[in-house]
Amino acid sequence: MASYAAIPPVGQIDGMSCWAACLAWWLKAVGGGRPAWNQLRIISEYDKHTDPDGGFAPTKILEVWPADTRLRISGGIFKSQHYWGRGLPIGEAPAMIAFRHPQAGTHMNVVFNQHGRTVTAMEPYFPYPGQDGKRTGQILDRSVDFYVKDNYDKSREIILFWPTVSM
């Protein structure tokens, strides 16, 4: 198994760019001929799809990223409740997860190295609250409950993105 935790985290450059930081890290981790874009390049590639504040709604990402053949990425919506008491439906490769953060609203992480009900995550919003342009991101372990149960009253679904398997 690859040592994804050794890949330096990517800190989001502003309060709304978690999606770009996660994709930048994920592209580096997954590789396989995908583009080697940094966060600024990613923002410029997808800016036309974002909200005026720079946020990129996960349901919109679900339309845009899988349609971009350069990324070779798949995605889907999953009912949070199905993963209470279980692990996330991820494989060996890192997966991006869009979820409702218990304190901050809609957010994205990259998750990998699942062991039981714990995953390692690349969290782009660190330090919190930090300063725009100075966040470093962080690699940390989290319970699956952080993603599927801790904010269930506000969000009953998660969206996952994973590398498309070549045929």
N, C-alpha and C. Protein backbone atom coordinates (compact mmCIF):
# COMPACT_ATOMS: atom_id res chain seq x y z
N MET A 1 0.85 -1.18 0.00
CA MET A 1 0.00 0.00 0.00
C MET A 1 0.89 1.24 0.00
N ALA A 2 0.52 2.21 -0.79
CA ALA A 2 1.27 3.46 -0.88
C ALA A 2 1.22 4.22 0.44
N SER A 3 2.25 4.98 0.72
CA SER A 3 2.30 5.78 1.94
C SER A 3 1.78 7.18 1.65
N TYR A 4 0.48 7.29 1.50
CA TYR A 4 -0.13 8.57 1.17
C TYR A 4 0.08 9.63 2.24
N ALA A 5 0.19 9.21 3.50
CA ALA A 5 0.38 10.16 4.60
C ALA A 5 1.71 10.91 4.47
N ALA A 6 2.65 10.38 3.69
CA ALA A 6 3.94 11.05 3.50
C ALA A 6 3.85 12.20 2.50
N ILE A 7 2.76 12.28 1.75
CA ILE A 7 2.59 13.37 0.79
C ILE A 7 2.22 14.63 1.57
N PRO A 8 2.95 15.72 1.41
CA PRO A 8 2.64 16.93 2.18
C PRO A 8 1.21 17.39 1.93
N PRO A 9 0.51 17.81 3.01
CA PRO A 9 -0.85 18.31 2.84
C PRO A 9 -0.86 19.60 2.04
N VAL A 10 -2.03 19.97 1.54
CA VAL A 10 -2.21 21.22 0.80
C VAL A 10 -3.22 22.06 1.57
N GLY A 11 -2.80 23.23 1.99
CA GLY A 11 -3.69 24.15 2.70
C GLY A 11 -4.51 24.96 1.71
N GLN A 12 -5.80 25.09 2.01
CA GLN A 12 -6.64 25.87 1.10
C GLN A 12 -6.27 27.34 1.20
N ILE A 13 -6.26 28.02 0.04
CA ILE A 13 -5.76 29.41 0.02
C ILE A 13 -6.75 30.43 0.55
N ASP A 14 -8.03 30.06 0.60
CA ASP A 14 -9.03 30.95 1.19
C ASP A 14 -10.13 30.11 1.81
N GLY A 15 -11.13 30.75 2.35
CA GLY A 15 -12.18 30.05 3.06
C GLY A 15 -13.07 29.18 2.21
N MET A 16 -13.00 29.30 0.89
CA MET A 16 -13.91 28.55 0.01
C MET A 16 -13.21 27.59 -0.94
N SER A 17 -11.91 27.42 -0.82
CA SER A 17 -11.17 26.63 -1.80
C SER A 17 -10.77 25.24 -1.33
N CYS A 18 -11.50 24.68 -0.38
CA CYS A 18 -11.17 23.31 0.07
C CYS A 18 -11.20 22.34 -1.10
N TRP A 19 -12.15 22.52 -2.00
CA TRP A 19 -12.29 21.63 -3.17
C TRP A 19 -11.03 21.65 -4.03
N ALA A 20 -10.45 22.82 -4.22
CA ALA A 20 -9.25 22.94 -5.06
C ALA A 20 -8.02 22.36 -4.36
N ALA A 21 -7.89 22.61 -3.05
CA ALA A 21 -6.77 22.04 -2.29
C ALA A 21 -6.86 20.52 -2.28
N CYS A 22 -8.06 19.99 -2.09
CA CYS A 22 -8.23 18.53 -2.07
C CYS A 22 -7.91 17.92 -3.43
N LEU A 23 -8.39 18.54 -4.49
CA LEU A 23 -8.10 17.98 -5.82
C LEU A 23 -6.60 18.04 -6.11
N ALA A 24 -5.92 19.12 -5.71
CA ALA A 24 -4.47 19.23 -5.94
C ALA A 24 -3.74 18.09 -5.23
N TRP A 25 -4.09 17.84 -3.98
CA TRP A 25 -3.44 16.77 -3.23
C TRP A 25 -3.78 15.41 -3.83
N TRP A 26 -5.06 15.20 -4.14
CA TRP A 26 -5.52 13.93 -4.69
C TRP A 26 -4.82 13.60 -6.01
N LEU A 27 -4.68 14.59 -6.90
CA LEU A 27 -4.00 14.38 -8.17
C LEU A 27 -2.57 13.90 -7.95
N LYS A 28 -1.89 14.51 -6.98
CA LYS A 28 -0.52 14.11 -6.68
C LYS A 28 -0.48 12.69 -6.12
N ALA A 29 -1.43 12.37 -5.24
CA ALA A 29 -1.45 11.05 -4.59
C ALA A 29 -1.81 9.94 -5.57
N VAL A 30 -2.78 10.19 -6.41
CA VAL A 30 -3.29 9.15 -7.31
C VAL A 30 -2.44 9.02 -8.57
N GLY A 31 -1.96 10.15 -9.09
CA GLY A 31 -1.09 10.12 -10.27
C GLY A 31 -1.71 9.39 -11.45
N GLY A 32 -0.97 8.46 -12.02
CA GLY A 32 -1.48 7.65 -13.11
C GLY A 32 -1.75 8.42 -14.39
N GLY A 33 -0.95 9.44 -14.68
CA GLY A 33 -1.12 10.20 -15.91
C GLY A 33 -2.13 11.33 -15.81
N ARG A 34 -2.67 11.54 -14.62
CA ARG A 34 -3.59 12.68 -14.43
C ARG A 34 -2.77 13.96 -14.38
N PRO A 35 -3.42 15.12 -14.59
CA PRO A 35 -2.67 16.38 -14.57
C PRO A 35 -2.00 16.61 -13.21
N ALA A 36 -0.86 17.27 -13.22
CA ALA A 36 -0.15 17.62 -11.99
C ALA A 36 -0.41 19.10 -11.70
N TRP A 37 -1.66 19.44 -11.41
CA TRP A 37 -2.06 20.83 -11.21
C TRP A 37 -1.93 21.24 -9.75
N ASN A 38 -1.51 22.49 -9.57
CA ASN A 38 -1.54 23.05 -8.22
C ASN A 38 -2.91 23.70 -7.99
N GLN A 39 -3.12 24.17 -6.79
CA GLN A 39 -4.41 24.72 -6.42
C GLN A 39 -4.84 25.91 -7.28
N LEU A 40 -3.92 26.80 -7.59
CA LEU A 40 -4.28 27.97 -8.41
C LEU A 40 -4.68 27.56 -9.82
N ARG A 41 -3.99 26.59 -10.38
CA ARG A 41 -4.35 26.09 -11.71
C ARG A 41 -5.74 25.46 -11.67
N ILE A 42 -6.03 24.71 -10.62
CA ILE A 42 -7.34 24.07 -10.48
C ILE A 42 -8.44 25.12 -10.39
N ILE A 43 -8.20 26.15 -9.61
CA ILE A 43 -9.20 27.23 -9.49
C ILE A 43 -9.43 27.87 -10.85
N SER A 44 -8.37 28.10 -11.61
CA SER A 44 -8.55 28.73 -12.94
C SER A 44 -9.27 27.78 -13.90
N GLU A 45 -9.02 26.46 -13.79
CA GLU A 45 -9.69 25.48 -14.66
C GLU A 45 -11.19 25.44 -14.43
N TYR A 46 -11.62 25.58 -13.17
CA TYR A 46 -13.02 25.36 -12.82
C TYR A 46 -13.76 26.61 -12.33
N ASP A 47 -13.11 27.75 -12.40
CA ASP A 47 -13.70 29.00 -11.90
C ASP A 47 -15.07 29.29 -12.51
N LYS A 48 -15.27 28.95 -13.77
CA LYS A 48 -16.55 29.24 -14.42
C LYS A 48 -17.71 28.46 -13.82
N HIS A 49 -17.41 27.44 -13.01
CA HIS A 49 -18.45 26.62 -12.39
C HIS A 49 -18.71 27.00 -10.94
N THR A 50 -17.90 27.92 -10.39
CA THR A 50 -18.01 28.23 -8.97
C THR A 50 -19.02 29.34 -8.70
N ASP A 51 -19.39 29.43 -7.43
CA ASP A 51 -20.25 30.51 -6.97
C ASP A 51 -19.45 31.81 -6.97
N PRO A 52 -20.13 32.95 -6.86
CA PRO A 52 -19.39 34.22 -6.82
C PRO A 52 -18.35 34.31 -5.70
N ASP A 53 -18.56 33.59 -4.60
CA ASP A 53 -17.60 33.62 -3.49
C ASP A 53 -16.47 32.61 -3.66
N GLY A 54 -16.47 31.83 -4.74
CA GLY A 54 -15.42 30.86 -4.99
C GLY A 54 -15.75 29.46 -4.51
N GLY A 55 -16.89 29.28 -3.89
CA GLY A 55 -17.30 27.94 -3.49
C GLY A 55 -17.75 27.14 -4.70
N PHE A 56 -17.64 25.85 -4.61
CA PHE A 56 -18.00 24.95 -5.71
C PHE A 56 -18.91 23.90 -5.08
N ALA A 57 -20.19 24.02 -5.33
CA ALA A 57 -21.17 23.13 -4.72
C ALA A 57 -20.85 21.69 -5.06
N PRO A 58 -20.82 20.79 -4.05
CA PRO A 58 -20.49 19.39 -4.32
C PRO A 58 -21.36 18.73 -5.39
N THR A 59 -22.63 19.08 -5.45
CA THR A 59 -23.47 18.48 -6.49
C THR A 59 -23.06 18.96 -7.88
N LYS A 60 -22.56 20.19 -7.97
CA LYS A 60 -22.04 20.71 -9.24
C LYS A 60 -20.71 20.03 -9.58
N ILE A 61 -19.87 19.83 -8.56
CA ILE A 61 -18.60 19.11 -8.77
C ILE A 61 -18.89 17.72 -9.32
N LEU A 62 -19.95 17.10 -8.80
CA LEU A 62 -20.33 15.76 -9.25
C LEU A 62 -20.69 15.73 -10.73
N GLU A 63 -21.15 16.83 -11.26
CA GLU A 63 -21.42 16.94 -12.70
C GLU A 63 -20.14 17.24 -13.49
N VAL A 64 -19.31 18.11 -12.96
CA VAL A 64 -18.18 18.66 -13.71
C VAL A 64 -16.95 17.74 -13.73
N TRP A 65 -16.49 17.29 -12.57
CA TRP A 65 -15.25 16.52 -12.52
C TRP A 65 -15.32 15.21 -13.29
N PRO A 66 -16.35 14.37 -13.10
CA PRO A 66 -16.38 13.12 -13.87
C PRO A 66 -16.48 13.34 -15.39
N ALA A 67 -17.02 14.49 -15.80
CA ALA A 67 -17.12 14.79 -17.23
C ALA A 67 -15.77 15.25 -17.82
N ASP A 68 -14.83 15.64 -16.96
CA ASP A 68 -13.50 16.08 -17.40
C ASP A 68 -12.61 14.84 -17.52
N THR A 69 -12.44 14.35 -18.72
CA THR A 69 -11.73 13.09 -18.93
C THR A 69 -10.27 13.13 -18.48
N ARG A 70 -9.70 14.31 -18.34
CA ARG A 70 -8.32 14.42 -17.87
C ARG A 70 -8.17 13.90 -16.45
N LEU A 71 -9.23 14.05 -15.64
CA LEU A 71 -9.16 13.67 -14.23
C LEU A 71 -9.32 12.17 -14.00
N ARG A 72 -10.03 11.49 -14.91
CA ARG A 72 -10.33 10.08 -14.72
C ARG A 72 -10.81 9.83 -13.29
N ILE A 73 -11.95 10.46 -13.00
CA ILE A 73 -12.52 10.44 -11.65
C ILE A 73 -13.99 10.05 -11.74
N SER A 74 -14.42 9.31 -10.75
CA SER A 74 -15.83 8.92 -10.62
C SER A 74 -16.34 9.49 -9.30
N GLY A 75 -17.65 9.62 -9.20
CA GLY A 75 -18.23 10.14 -7.97
C GLY A 75 -19.64 9.65 -7.78
N GLY A 76 -20.11 9.78 -6.55
CA GLY A 76 -21.47 9.38 -6.26
C GLY A 76 -21.94 9.92 -4.92
N ILE A 77 -23.25 9.92 -4.74
CA ILE A 77 -23.88 10.37 -3.51
C ILE A 77 -24.21 9.13 -2.68
N PHE A 78 -23.91 9.19 -1.40
CA PHE A 78 -24.14 8.08 -0.50
C PHE A 78 -24.93 8.55 0.72
N LYS A 79 -25.86 7.75 1.16
CA LYS A 79 -26.65 8.05 2.36
C LYS A 79 -25.78 7.85 3.60
N SER A 80 -25.62 8.90 4.39
CA SER A 80 -24.76 8.86 5.58
C SER A 80 -25.14 7.73 6.52
N GLN A 81 -26.41 7.55 6.73
CA GLN A 81 -26.91 6.58 7.69
C GLN A 81 -26.43 5.15 7.41
N HIS A 82 -26.16 4.84 6.15
CA HIS A 82 -25.71 3.49 5.78
C HIS A 82 -24.33 3.17 6.34
N TYR A 83 -23.59 4.19 6.79
CA TYR A 83 -22.21 3.98 7.24
C TYR A 83 -22.04 4.20 8.73
N TRP A 84 -23.16 4.31 9.46
CA TRP A 84 -23.07 4.34 10.92
C TRP A 84 -22.62 2.96 11.37
N GLY A 85 -21.62 2.91 12.19
CA GLY A 85 -21.14 1.63 12.69
C GLY A 85 -20.33 0.84 11.68
N ARG A 86 -20.04 1.43 10.53
CA ARG A 86 -19.27 0.77 9.47
C ARG A 86 -18.22 1.74 8.94
N GLY A 87 -17.33 1.22 8.10
CA GLY A 87 -16.36 2.07 7.43
C GLY A 87 -16.99 2.72 6.21
N LEU A 88 -16.27 3.65 5.62
CA LEU A 88 -16.72 4.31 4.39
C LEU A 88 -16.53 3.36 3.20
N PRO A 89 -17.31 3.54 2.14
CA PRO A 89 -17.17 2.68 0.96
C PRO A 89 -16.03 3.16 0.06
N ILE A 90 -14.81 3.08 0.59
CA ILE A 90 -13.63 3.50 -0.18
C ILE A 90 -12.68 2.32 -0.31
N GLY A 91 -11.87 2.38 -1.34
CA GLY A 91 -10.88 1.33 -1.56
C GLY A 91 -9.52 1.74 -1.04
N GLU A 92 -8.49 1.22 -1.69
CA GLU A 92 -7.11 1.50 -1.27
C GLU A 92 -6.65 2.91 -1.67
N ALA A 93 -7.14 3.42 -2.79
CA ALA A 93 -6.72 4.74 -3.27
C ALA A 93 -7.44 5.84 -2.50
N PRO A 94 -6.82 7.01 -2.38
CA PRO A 94 -7.48 8.12 -1.72
C PRO A 94 -8.80 8.49 -2.41
N ALA A 95 -9.76 8.90 -1.60
CA ALA A 95 -11.06 9.35 -2.10
C ALA A 95 -11.33 10.73 -1.51
N MET A 96 -11.92 11.61 -2.30
CA MET A 96 -12.34 12.90 -1.77
C MET A 96 -13.76 12.75 -1.24
N ILE A 97 -14.03 13.42 -0.12
CA ILE A 97 -15.34 13.35 0.50
C ILE A 97 -15.87 14.76 0.75
N ALA A 98 -17.05 15.02 0.23
CA ALA A 98 -17.76 16.28 0.50
C ALA A 98 -18.80 15.96 1.57
N PHE A 99 -18.85 16.78 2.61
CA PHE A 99 -19.68 16.50 3.77
C PHE A 99 -20.03 17.80 4.48
N ARG A 100 -20.89 17.71 5.46
CA ARG A 100 -21.20 18.86 6.30
C ARG A 100 -20.29 18.81 7.52
N HIS A 101 -19.38 19.76 7.63
CA HIS A 101 -18.49 19.85 8.78
C HIS A 101 -19.32 20.25 9.99
N PRO A 102 -19.10 19.60 11.13
CA PRO A 102 -19.93 19.90 12.30
C PRO A 102 -19.93 21.37 12.72
N GLN A 103 -18.84 22.10 12.47
CA GLN A 103 -18.79 23.52 12.83
C GLN A 103 -18.80 24.49 11.65
N ALA A 104 -18.50 24.00 10.45
CA ALA A 104 -18.22 24.95 9.37
C ALA A 104 -19.08 24.82 8.12
N GLY A 105 -20.05 23.95 8.08
CA GLY A 105 -20.86 23.83 6.87
C GLY A 105 -20.23 22.91 5.85
N THR A 106 -20.62 23.06 4.59
CA THR A 106 -20.14 22.18 3.52
C THR A 106 -18.62 22.27 3.40
N HIS A 107 -17.97 21.11 3.31
CA HIS A 107 -16.51 21.07 3.31
C HIS A 107 -16.05 19.83 2.55
N MET A 108 -14.76 19.75 2.27
CA MET A 108 -14.19 18.61 1.58
C MET A 108 -12.87 18.22 2.24
N ASN A 109 -12.61 16.92 2.30
CA ASN A 109 -11.34 16.34 2.74
C ASN A 109 -10.96 15.27 1.73
N VAL A 110 -9.75 14.75 1.85
CA VAL A 110 -9.36 13.53 1.14
C VAL A 110 -9.16 12.48 2.23
N VAL A 111 -9.74 11.30 2.04
CA VAL A 111 -9.63 10.23 3.03
C VAL A 111 -8.96 9.01 2.42
N PHE A 112 -8.20 8.30 3.24
CA PHE A 112 -7.45 7.13 2.79
C PHE A 112 -7.03 6.31 4.00
N ASN A 113 -6.35 5.19 3.76
CA ASN A 113 -5.84 4.31 4.83
C ASN A 113 -6.90 4.00 5.88
N GLN A 114 -8.03 3.52 5.45
CA GLN A 114 -9.11 3.19 6.39
C GLN A 114 -8.76 1.92 7.16
N HIS A 115 -8.89 2.02 8.47
CA HIS A 115 -8.70 0.87 9.36
C HIS A 115 -9.90 0.83 10.29
N GLY A 116 -10.76 -0.15 10.07
CA GLY A 116 -11.98 -0.22 10.86
C GLY A 116 -12.83 1.01 10.61
N ARG A 117 -13.07 1.76 11.67
CA ARG A 117 -13.90 2.97 11.56
C ARG A 117 -13.07 4.25 11.66
N THR A 118 -11.79 4.14 11.34
CA THR A 118 -10.90 5.31 11.35
C THR A 118 -10.29 5.47 9.97
N VAL A 119 -10.24 6.71 9.51
CA VAL A 119 -9.57 7.03 8.25
C VAL A 119 -8.50 8.07 8.51
N THR A 120 -7.50 8.08 7.66
CA THR A 120 -6.55 9.18 7.65
C THR A 120 -7.11 10.21 6.67
N ALA A 121 -7.01 11.48 7.04
CA ALA A 121 -7.58 12.54 6.22
C ALA A 121 -6.55 13.61 5.91
N MET A 122 -6.66 14.17 4.72
CA MET A 122 -5.93 15.39 4.38
C MET A 122 -6.96 16.51 4.55
N GLU A 123 -6.77 17.29 5.61
CA GLU A 123 -7.65 18.39 5.97
C GLU A 123 -7.01 19.69 5.48
N PRO A 124 -7.60 20.35 4.47
CA PRO A 124 -6.97 21.56 3.92
C PRO A 124 -7.16 22.82 4.77
N TYR A 125 -8.13 22.82 5.68
CA TYR A 125 -8.40 24.03 6.48
C TYR A 125 -7.69 23.94 7.82
N PHE A 126 -6.37 24.04 7.77
CA PHE A 126 -5.52 24.02 8.95
C PHE A 126 -4.36 24.96 8.72
N PRO A 127 -3.95 25.77 9.70
CA PRO A 127 -4.60 25.91 10.99
C PRO A 127 -5.95 26.64 10.87
N TYR A 128 -6.80 26.37 11.85
CA TYR A 128 -8.12 26.98 11.90
C TYR A 128 -8.13 28.04 12.97
N PRO A 129 -8.59 29.27 12.73
CA PRO A 129 -9.07 29.72 11.44
C PRO A 129 -7.95 30.08 10.48
N GLY A 130 -6.77 30.34 10.99
CA GLY A 130 -5.64 30.64 10.11
C GLY A 130 -5.85 31.90 9.29
N GLN A 131 -4.96 32.11 8.36
CA GLN A 131 -5.02 33.27 7.47
C GLN A 131 -5.04 32.79 6.04
N ASP A 132 -5.83 33.48 5.20
CA ASP A 132 -5.84 33.15 3.78
C ASP A 132 -4.42 33.23 3.23
N GLY A 133 -4.09 32.25 2.42
CA GLY A 133 -2.76 32.20 1.80
C GLY A 133 -1.69 31.61 2.70
N LYS A 134 -2.01 31.30 3.96
CA LYS A 134 -1.00 30.79 4.89
C LYS A 134 -1.36 29.46 5.53
N ARG A 135 -2.48 28.86 5.12
CA ARG A 135 -2.83 27.56 5.68
C ARG A 135 -1.93 26.48 5.07
N THR A 136 -1.58 25.52 5.89
CA THR A 136 -0.68 24.46 5.46
C THR A 136 -1.40 23.15 5.18
N GLY A 137 -2.62 23.01 5.69
CA GLY A 137 -3.29 21.72 5.64
C GLY A 137 -2.68 20.81 6.69
N GLN A 138 -3.31 19.64 6.90
CA GLN A 138 -2.85 18.73 7.94
C GLN A 138 -3.29 17.30 7.59
N ILE A 139 -2.43 16.35 7.90
CA ILE A 139 -2.78 14.94 7.79
C ILE A 139 -3.12 14.49 9.21
N LEU A 140 -4.32 13.90 9.39
CA LEU A 140 -4.75 13.47 10.71
C LEU A 140 -5.69 12.28 10.60
N ASP A 141 -5.89 11.61 11.71
CA ASP A 141 -6.82 10.49 11.75
C ASP A 141 -8.16 10.98 12.29
N ARG A 142 -9.24 10.48 11.68
CA ARG A 142 -10.60 10.84 12.10
C ARG A 142 -11.48 9.61 12.11
N SER A 143 -12.47 9.66 12.97
CA SER A 143 -13.49 8.63 12.99
C SER A 143 -14.41 8.83 11.78
N VAL A 144 -14.91 7.74 11.23
CA VAL A 144 -15.90 7.82 10.16
C VAL A 144 -17.10 8.63 10.63
N ASP A 145 -17.41 8.58 11.92
CA ASP A 145 -18.56 9.34 12.46
C ASP A 145 -18.44 10.84 12.18
N PHE A 146 -17.22 11.35 12.12
CA PHE A 146 -17.02 12.77 11.82
C PHE A 146 -17.69 13.14 10.50
N TYR A 147 -17.66 12.23 9.55
CA TYR A 147 -18.21 12.48 8.23
C TYR A 147 -19.67 12.09 8.08
N VAL A 148 -20.10 11.05 8.77
CA VAL A 148 -21.44 10.52 8.50
C VAL A 148 -22.46 10.70 9.62
N LYS A 149 -22.00 10.97 10.84
CA LYS A 149 -22.95 11.01 11.94
C LYS A 149 -22.93 12.31 12.73
N ASP A 150 -21.77 12.93 12.91
CA ASP A 150 -21.65 14.08 13.79
C ASP A 150 -22.50 15.27 13.36
N ASN A 151 -22.87 15.34 12.10
CA ASN A 151 -23.70 16.45 11.62
C ASN A 151 -24.91 15.93 10.85
N TYR A 152 -25.38 14.76 11.22
CA TYR A 152 -26.46 14.11 10.49
C TYR A 152 -27.74 14.94 10.48
N ASP A 153 -27.96 15.73 11.52
CA ASP A 153 -29.18 16.55 11.56
C ASP A 153 -29.21 17.58 10.43
N LYS A 154 -28.06 17.96 9.89
CA LYS A 154 -27.99 18.95 8.82
C LYS A 154 -27.74 18.35 7.45
N SER A 155 -27.13 17.18 7.41
CA SER A 155 -26.80 16.57 6.12
C SER A 155 -26.96 15.08 6.20
N ARG A 156 -27.76 14.55 5.36
CA ARG A 156 -28.02 13.11 5.39
C ARG A 156 -27.27 12.37 4.29
N GLU A 157 -26.39 13.09 3.58
CA GLU A 157 -25.64 12.48 2.48
C GLU A 157 -24.19 12.96 2.49
N ILE A 158 -23.34 12.12 1.94
CA ILE A 158 -21.97 12.50 1.64
C ILE A 158 -21.78 12.27 0.15
N ILE A 159 -20.80 12.95 -0.43
CA ILE A 159 -20.45 12.72 -1.83
C ILE A 159 -18.99 12.27 -1.83
N LEU A 160 -18.73 11.17 -2.50
CA LEU A 160 -17.38 10.64 -2.62
C LEU A 160 -16.91 10.70 -4.07
N PHE A 161 -15.61 10.93 -4.24
CA PHE A 161 -14.95 10.93 -5.54
C PHE A 161 -13.75 10.00 -5.45
N TRP A 162 -13.57 9.13 -6.43
CA TRP A 162 -12.51 8.14 -6.42
C TRP A 162 -11.94 8.01 -7.82
N PRO A 163 -10.72 7.46 -7.94
CA PRO A 163 -10.13 7.29 -9.27
C PRO A 163 -10.95 6.30 -10.10
N THR A 164 -11.22 6.66 -11.32
CA THR A 164 -11.91 5.76 -12.24
C THR A 164 -10.96 4.62 -12.57
N VAL A 165 -11.47 3.43 -12.49
CA VAL A 165 -10.68 2.25 -12.81
C VAL A 165 -10.65 2.09 -14.32
N SER A 166 -9.46 1.99 -14.87
CA SER A 166 -9.32 1.81 -16.32
C SER A 166 -9.70 0.39 -16.70
N MET A 167 -10.34 0.27 -17.84
CA MET A 167 -10.75 -1.06 -18.32
C MET A 167 -9.74 -1.57 -19.32
